[in-house]
Amino acid sequence: LFRSAAKWYNEHLKKSKETQQLLTILITNDRRNKEKAVEEGIVAYTCEEYIKSLDANPDLVDRLACITDEANEIESGRVIFPDHVALSKLQQGIKSGIYLQGTYRASRDNYLEATVWVHGDGDNSKEVLIQGLRNLNRAIHEDIVAVELLPKEKWAVPSSVVLQDEADNEEDIEKEEEKEQMLKTVEIGR
């Protein structure tokens, strides 16, 4: 359907002198869909490829979720999630500390990220970052969920976090203002 729509738009844009130079591109993280689109002569990118091609906005790369094709493969239009853990095993896991129970909070900036606020005694509360469609499973905002921590070497930081030097000097501020003005000029010129 998406490939057909991209093809249709490309054909119709060529009909007018004003829009002849425009090109519709397909952005997809479905590897097979992208391959088929390229075979059909449609310009197609993964989200990561497209974002990395935007020279004027390099910070957008930091907002990309860390995903791989294998971990989030979409098969026949349906995302395959792991089965839910049996309630008895879940309760046992929470008591033994294998699983942590908390409140699921969806990210406003990235639909492939969320946090689980694990309530503890006193200052023992913690936030656990969840990344990737499979790990988010079927949870929705404010659900009470149980999570299993990955080994420490697989821990990550939110993709929207951009580390920045706390001490801004005048030169940095001027460069930032020039960059913003350039971006505004580019956006207006499109």
C-alpha atoms as a PDB file:
ATOM      1  CA  LEU A   1       0.000   0.000   0.000  1.00  0.00           C
ATOM      2  CA  PHE A   2       2.754   2.457   0.942  1.00  0.00           C
ATOM      3  CA  ARG A   3       4.817   1.585  -2.107  1.00  0.00           C
ATOM      4  CA  SER A   4       1.741   2.074  -4.321  1.00  0.00           C
ATOM      5  CA  ALA A   5       1.085   5.464  -2.724  1.00  0.00           C
ATOM      6  CA  ALA A   6       4.712   6.583  -3.216  1.00  0.00           C
ATOM      7  CA  LYS A   7       4.589   5.471  -6.876  1.00  0.00           C
ATOM      8  CA  TRP A   8       1.249   7.253  -7.424  1.00  0.00           C
ATOM      9  CA  TYR A   9       2.558  10.516  -5.943  1.00  0.00           C
ATOM     10  CA  ASN A  10       5.761  10.356  -8.005  1.00  0.00           C
ATOM     11  CA  GLU A  11       3.750   9.864 -11.220  1.00  0.00           C
ATOM     12  CA  HIS A  12       1.360  12.726 -10.417  1.00  0.00           C
ATOM     13  CA  LEU A  13       4.115  15.119  -9.344  1.00  0.00           C
ATOM     14  CA  LYS A  14       5.791  14.692 -12.759  1.00  0.00           C
ATOM     15  CA  LYS A  15       2.643  15.935 -14.535  1.00  0.00           C
ATOM     16  CA  SER A  16       2.980  19.543 -13.367  1.00  0.00           C
ATOM     17  CA  LYS A  17       5.873  21.868 -14.234  1.00  0.00           C
ATOM     18  CA  GLU A  18       5.801  23.301 -10.700  1.00  0.00           C
ATOM     19  CA  THR A  19       6.173  19.911  -9.032  1.00  0.00           C
ATOM     20  CA  GLN A  20       8.333  18.048 -11.576  1.00  0.00           C
ATOM     21  CA  GLN A  21      11.430  18.450  -9.420  1.00  0.00           C
ATOM     22  CA  LEU A  22       9.763  16.979  -6.311  1.00  0.00           C
ATOM     23  CA  LEU A  23      10.296  13.342  -5.420  1.00  0.00           C
ATOM     24  CA  THR A  24       8.384  11.175  -2.982  1.00  0.00           C
ATOM     25  CA  ILE A  25      10.540   8.934  -0.823  1.00  0.00           C
ATOM     26  CA  LEU A  26       9.506   5.960   1.272  1.00  0.00           C
ATOM     27  CA  ILE A  27      10.822   5.787   4.828  1.00  0.00           C
ATOM     28  CA  THR A  28      10.461   2.372   6.430  1.00  0.00           C
ATOM     29  CA  ASN A  29      12.241   0.176   8.954  1.00  0.00           C
ATOM     30  CA  ASP A  30      10.802  -2.937   7.324  1.00  0.00           C
ATOM     31  CA  ARG A  31      13.802  -4.364   5.466  1.00  0.00           C
ATOM     32  CA  ARG A  32      11.704  -6.373   2.964  1.00  0.00           C
ATOM     33  CA  ASN A  33       9.457  -3.406   2.187  1.00  0.00           C
ATOM     34  CA  LYS A  34      12.496  -1.230   1.482  1.00  0.00           C
ATOM     35  CA  GLU A  35      14.035  -3.883  -0.807  1.00  0.00           C
ATOM     36  CA  LYS A  36      10.785  -4.220  -2.781  1.00  0.00           C
ATOM     37  CA  ALA A  37      10.478  -0.432  -3.081  1.00  0.00           C
ATOM     38  CA  VAL A  38      14.004  -0.103  -4.477  1.00  0.00           C
ATOM     39  CA  GLU A  39      13.273  -2.936  -6.946  1.00  0.00           C
ATOM     40  CA  GLU A  40      10.197  -0.977  -8.092  1.00  0.00           C
ATOM     41  CA  GLY A  41      12.280   2.164  -8.645  1.00  0.00           C
ATOM     42  CA  ILE A  42      11.074   4.018  -5.543  1.00  0.00           C
ATOM     43  CA  VAL A  43      13.631   5.946  -3.502  1.00  0.00           C
ATOM     44  CA  ALA A  44      13.508   4.338  -0.048  1.00  0.00           C
ATOM     45  CA  TYR A  45      15.421   4.789   3.213  1.00  0.00           C
ATOM     46  CA  THR A  46      15.322   3.380   6.700  1.00  0.00           C
ATOM     47  CA  CYS A  47      14.597   6.001   9.367  1.00  0.00           C
ATOM     48  CA  GLU A  48      18.230   5.908  10.448  1.00  0.00           C
ATOM     49  CA  GLU A  49      19.550   6.373   6.888  1.00  0.00           C
ATOM     50  CA  TYR A  50      17.186   9.289   6.286  1.00  0.00           C
ATOM     51  CA  ILE A  51      17.942  11.065   9.578  1.00  0.00           C
ATOM     52  CA  LYS A  52      21.707  10.676   9.036  1.00  0.00           C
ATOM     53  CA  SER A  53      21.339  12.252   5.580  1.00  0.00           C
ATOM     54  CA  LEU A  54      19.946  15.491   7.061  1.00  0.00           C
ATOM     55  CA  ASP A  55      23.107  17.582   7.266  1.00  0.00           C
ATOM     56  CA  ALA A  56      21.360  20.626   8.765  1.00  0.00           C
ATOM     57  CA  ASN A  57      20.096  18.689  11.816  1.00  0.00           C
ATOM     58  CA  PRO A  58      22.835  16.387  13.160  1.00  0.00           C
ATOM     59  CA  ASP A  59      21.271  16.279  16.678  1.00  0.00           C
ATOM     60  CA  LEU A  60      18.336  14.255  15.326  1.00  0.00           C
ATOM     61  CA  VAL A  61      20.586  11.194  15.201  1.00  0.00           C
ATOM     62  CA  ASP A  62      20.725  11.320  19.020  1.00  0.00           C
ATOM     63  CA  ARG A  63      16.938  11.039  19.130  1.00  0.00           C
ATOM     64  CA  LEU A  64      16.879   7.787  17.160  1.00  0.00           C
ATOM     65  CA  ALA A  65      16.078   4.714  19.181  1.00  0.00           C
ATOM     66  CA  CYS A  66      18.794   2.090  19.165  1.00  0.00           C
ATOM     67  CA  ILE A  67      17.093  -0.602  17.133  1.00  0.00           C
ATOM     68  CA  THR A  68      18.193  -3.370  14.831  1.00  0.00           C
ATOM     69  CA  ASP A  69      16.280  -4.988  12.000  1.00  0.00           C
ATOM     70  CA  GLU A  70      16.394  -8.421  13.617  1.00  0.00           C
ATOM     71  CA  ALA A  71      15.076  -7.236  16.981  1.00  0.00           C
ATOM     72  CA  ASN A  72      12.115  -5.364  15.499  1.00  0.00           C
ATOM     73  CA  GLU A  73      11.332  -7.256  12.318  1.00  0.00           C
ATOM     74  CA  ILE A  74       7.767  -6.780  11.206  1.00  0.00           C
ATOM     75  CA  GLU A  75       6.414  -9.970   9.673  1.00  0.00           C
ATOM     76  CA  SER A  76       3.371  -9.859   7.402  1.00  0.00           C
ATOM     77  CA  GLY A  77       2.287  -6.523   8.865  1.00  0.00           C
ATOM     78  CA  ARG A  78       2.190  -7.780  12.466  1.00  0.00           C
ATOM     79  CA  VAL A  79       4.774  -7.151  15.167  1.00  0.00           C
ATOM     80  CA  ILE A  80       5.646 -10.348  16.974  1.00  0.00           C
ATOM     81  CA  PHE A  81       5.849  -9.842  20.751  1.00  0.00           C
ATOM     82  CA  PRO A  82       7.160 -12.377  23.240  1.00  0.00           C
ATOM     83  CA  ASP A  83       4.507 -14.270  25.200  1.00  0.00           C
ATOM     84  CA  HIS A  84       3.423 -12.895  28.572  1.00  0.00           C
ATOM     85  CA  VAL A  85       4.922 -14.591  31.614  1.00  0.00           C
ATOM     86  CA  ALA A  86       2.485 -16.767  33.586  1.00  0.00           C
ATOM     87  CA  LEU A  87       1.014 -14.923  36.584  1.00  0.00           C
ATOM     88  CA  SER A  88       2.369 -17.449  39.136  1.00  0.00           C
ATOM     89  CA  LYS A  89       5.899 -17.205  37.655  1.00  0.00           C
ATOM     90  CA  LEU A  90       5.597 -13.403  37.551  1.00  0.00           C
ATOM     91  CA  GLN A  91       4.582 -13.153  41.220  1.00  0.00           C
ATOM     92  CA  GLN A  92       7.386 -15.533  42.210  1.00  0.00           C
ATOM     93  CA  GLY A  93       9.871 -13.486  40.154  1.00  0.00           C
ATOM     94  CA  ILE A  94       8.817 -10.207  41.794  1.00  0.00           C
ATOM     95  CA  LYS A  95       9.180 -11.723  45.290  1.00  0.00           C
ATOM     96  CA  SER A  96      12.598 -13.185  44.482  1.00  0.00           C
ATOM     97  CA  GLY A  97      13.860  -9.983  42.823  1.00  0.00           C
ATOM     98  CA  ILE A  98      14.167 -11.413  39.285  1.00  0.00           C
ATOM     99  CA  TYR A  99      11.501  -8.950  38.125  1.00  0.00           C
ATOM    100  CA  LEU A 100      10.928  -5.367  39.259  1.00  0.00           C
ATOM    101  CA  GLN A 101       7.378  -3.997  39.410  1.00  0.00           C
ATOM    102  CA  GLY A 102       6.621  -0.394  38.559  1.00  0.00           C
ATOM    103  CA  THR A 103       4.607   2.161  36.604  1.00  0.00           C
ATOM    104  CA  TYR A 104       5.175   2.290  32.843  1.00  0.00           C
ATOM    105  CA  ARG A 105       5.692   5.810  31.465  1.00  0.00           C
ATOM    106  CA  ALA A 106       5.749   6.208  27.689  1.00  0.00           C
ATOM    107  CA  SER A 107       8.245   8.692  26.261  1.00  0.00           C
ATOM    108  CA  ARG A 108       6.793  11.847  24.709  1.00  0.00           C
ATOM    109  CA  ASP A 109       9.783  12.172  22.377  1.00  0.00           C
ATOM    110  CA  ASN A 110      10.323   8.612  21.186  1.00  0.00           C
ATOM    111  CA  TYR A 111       7.629   5.989  20.732  1.00  0.00           C
ATOM    112  CA  LEU A 112      10.276   3.256  20.976  1.00  0.00           C
ATOM    113  CA  GLU A 113      11.310   4.256  24.495  1.00  0.00           C
ATOM    114  CA  ALA A 114       9.692   4.314  27.906  1.00  0.00           C
ATOM    115  CA  THR A 115      10.658   4.248  31.556  1.00  0.00           C
ATOM    116  CA  VAL A 116       9.347   2.140  34.398  1.00  0.00           C
ATOM    117  CA  TRP A 117       9.268   3.910  37.750  1.00  0.00           C
ATOM    118  CA  VAL A 118      10.040   1.207  40.324  1.00  0.00           C
ATOM    119  CA  HIS A 119       8.756   2.249  43.740  1.00  0.00           C
ATOM    120  CA  GLY A 120      11.043   1.330  46.608  1.00  0.00           C
ATOM    121  CA  ASP A 121      11.330   1.956  50.311  1.00  0.00           C
ATOM    122  CA  GLY A 122      12.568   5.467  51.125  1.00  0.00           C
ATOM    123  CA  ASP A 123      15.236   6.496  48.617  1.00  0.00           C
ATOM    124  CA  ASN A 124      15.186   3.066  46.942  1.00  0.00           C
ATOM    125  CA  SER A 125      12.972   4.156  44.036  1.00  0.00           C
ATOM    126  CA  LYS A 126      14.532   3.914  40.581  1.00  0.00           C
ATOM    127  CA  GLU A 127      13.759   4.479  36.951  1.00  0.00           C
ATOM    128  CA  VAL A 128      14.403   1.719  34.416  1.00  0.00           C
ATOM    129  CA  LEU A 129      14.793   2.619  30.729  1.00  0.00           C
ATOM    130  CA  ILE A 130      13.002   0.391  28.213  1.00  0.00           C
ATOM    131  CA  GLN A 131      14.066   0.588  24.536  1.00  0.00           C
ATOM    132  CA  GLY A 132      12.777  -1.158  21.444  1.00  0.00           C
ATOM    133  CA  LEU A 133       9.395  -2.328  20.291  1.00  0.00           C
ATOM    134  CA  ARG A 134       9.808  -5.903  21.546  1.00  0.00           C
ATOM    135  CA  ASN A 135      10.864  -4.748  25.015  1.00  0.00           C
ATOM    136  CA  LEU A 136       7.998  -2.268  25.247  1.00  0.00           C
ATOM    137  CA  ASN A 137       5.721  -5.196  24.435  1.00  0.00           C
ATOM    138  CA  ARG A 138       2.059  -4.195  24.688  1.00  0.00           C
ATOM    139  CA  ALA A 139       2.260  -1.813  27.664  1.00  0.00           C
ATOM    140  CA  ILE A 140       0.564   1.567  27.586  1.00  0.00           C
ATOM    141  CA  HIS A 141       1.173   4.695  29.661  1.00  0.00           C
ATOM    142  CA  GLU A 142       0.521   4.273  33.422  1.00  0.00           C
ATOM    143  CA  ASP A 143       0.231   0.447  33.266  1.00  0.00           C
ATOM    144  CA  ILE A 144       1.661  -1.446  36.227  1.00  0.00           C
ATOM    145  CA  VAL A 145       4.300  -3.709  34.702  1.00  0.00           C
ATOM    146  CA  ALA A 146       7.086  -6.081  35.688  1.00  0.00           C
ATOM    147  CA  VAL A 147      10.518  -5.796  34.067  1.00  0.00           C
ATOM    148  CA  GLU A 148      13.613  -7.948  34.083  1.00  0.00           C
ATOM    149  CA  LEU A 149      16.901  -6.049  34.067  1.00  0.00           C
ATOM    150  CA  LEU A 150      19.359  -6.784  31.279  1.00  0.00           C
ATOM    151  CA  PRO A 151      23.011  -7.466  32.142  1.00  0.00           C
ATOM    152  CA  LYS A 152      24.829  -4.182  32.915  1.00  0.00           C
ATOM    153  CA  GLU A 153      26.817  -4.280  29.649  1.00  0.00           C
ATOM    154  CA  LYS A 154      23.529  -3.995  27.720  1.00  0.00           C
ATOM    155  CA  TRP A 155      22.243  -0.976  29.673  1.00  0.00           C
ATOM    156  CA  ALA A 156      21.672   2.207  27.639  1.00  0.00           C
ATOM    157  CA  VAL A 157      20.798   5.857  28.077  1.00  0.00           C
ATOM    158  CA  PRO A 158      17.725   7.520  26.548  1.00  0.00           C
ATOM    159  CA  SER A 159      18.405   8.363  22.908  1.00  0.00           C
ATOM    160  CA  SER A 160      17.101  11.922  23.369  1.00  0.00           C
ATOM    161  CA  VAL A 161      19.766  12.777  25.938  1.00  0.00           C
ATOM    162  CA  VAL A 162      22.399  15.083  24.498  1.00  0.00           C
ATOM    163  CA  LEU A 163      25.334  15.714  26.792  1.00  0.00           C
ATOM    164  CA  GLN A 164      26.228  19.365  26.882  1.00  0.00           C
ATOM    165  CA  ASP A 165      28.892  21.346  28.670  1.00  0.00           C
ATOM    166  CA  GLU A 166      27.306  23.196  31.591  1.00  0.00           C
ATOM    167  CA  ALA A 167      29.464  26.309  31.163  1.00  0.00           C
ATOM    168  CA  ASP A 168      28.331  28.060  27.973  1.00  0.00           C
ATOM    169  CA  ASN A 169      30.622  30.828  26.902  1.00  0.00           C
ATOM    170  CA  GLU A 170      29.760  33.788  24.656  1.00  0.00           C
ATOM    171  CA  GLU A 171      31.343  32.183  21.576  1.00  0.00           C
ATOM    172  CA  ASP A 172      29.251  28.995  21.964  1.00  0.00           C
ATOM    173  CA  ILE A 173      26.053  31.022  22.334  1.00  0.00           C
ATOM    174  CA  GLU A 174      26.847  33.033  19.180  1.00  0.00           C
ATOM    175  CA  LYS A 175      27.544  29.832  17.205  1.00  0.00           C
ATOM    176  CA  GLU A 176      24.248  28.342  18.425  1.00  0.00           C
ATOM    177  CA  GLU A 177      22.319  31.494  17.403  1.00  0.00           C
ATOM    178  CA  GLU A 178      23.954  31.452  13.943  1.00  0.00           C
ATOM    179  CA  LYS A 179      23.050  27.782  13.558  1.00  0.00           C
ATOM    180  CA  GLU A 180      19.412  28.451  14.550  1.00  0.00           C
ATOM    181  CA  GLN A 181      19.214  31.390  12.124  1.00  0.00           C
ATOM    182  CA  MET A 182      20.655  29.219   9.343  1.00  0.00           C
ATOM    183  CA  LEU A 183      18.072  26.497  10.081  1.00  0.00           C
ATOM    184  CA  LYS A 184      15.249  29.063  10.009  1.00  0.00           C
ATOM    185  CA  THR A 185      16.536  30.367   6.681  1.00  0.00           C
ATOM    186  CA  VAL A 186      16.700  26.842   5.236  1.00  0.00           C
ATOM    187  CA  GLU A 187      13.180  26.011   6.449  1.00  0.00           C
ATOM    188  CA  ILE A 188      11.723  29.216   4.985  1.00  0.00           C
ATOM    189  CA  GLY A 189      13.535  28.671   1.685  1.00  0.00           C
ATOM    190  CA  ARG A 190      12.028  25.205   1.120  1.00  0.00           C
END
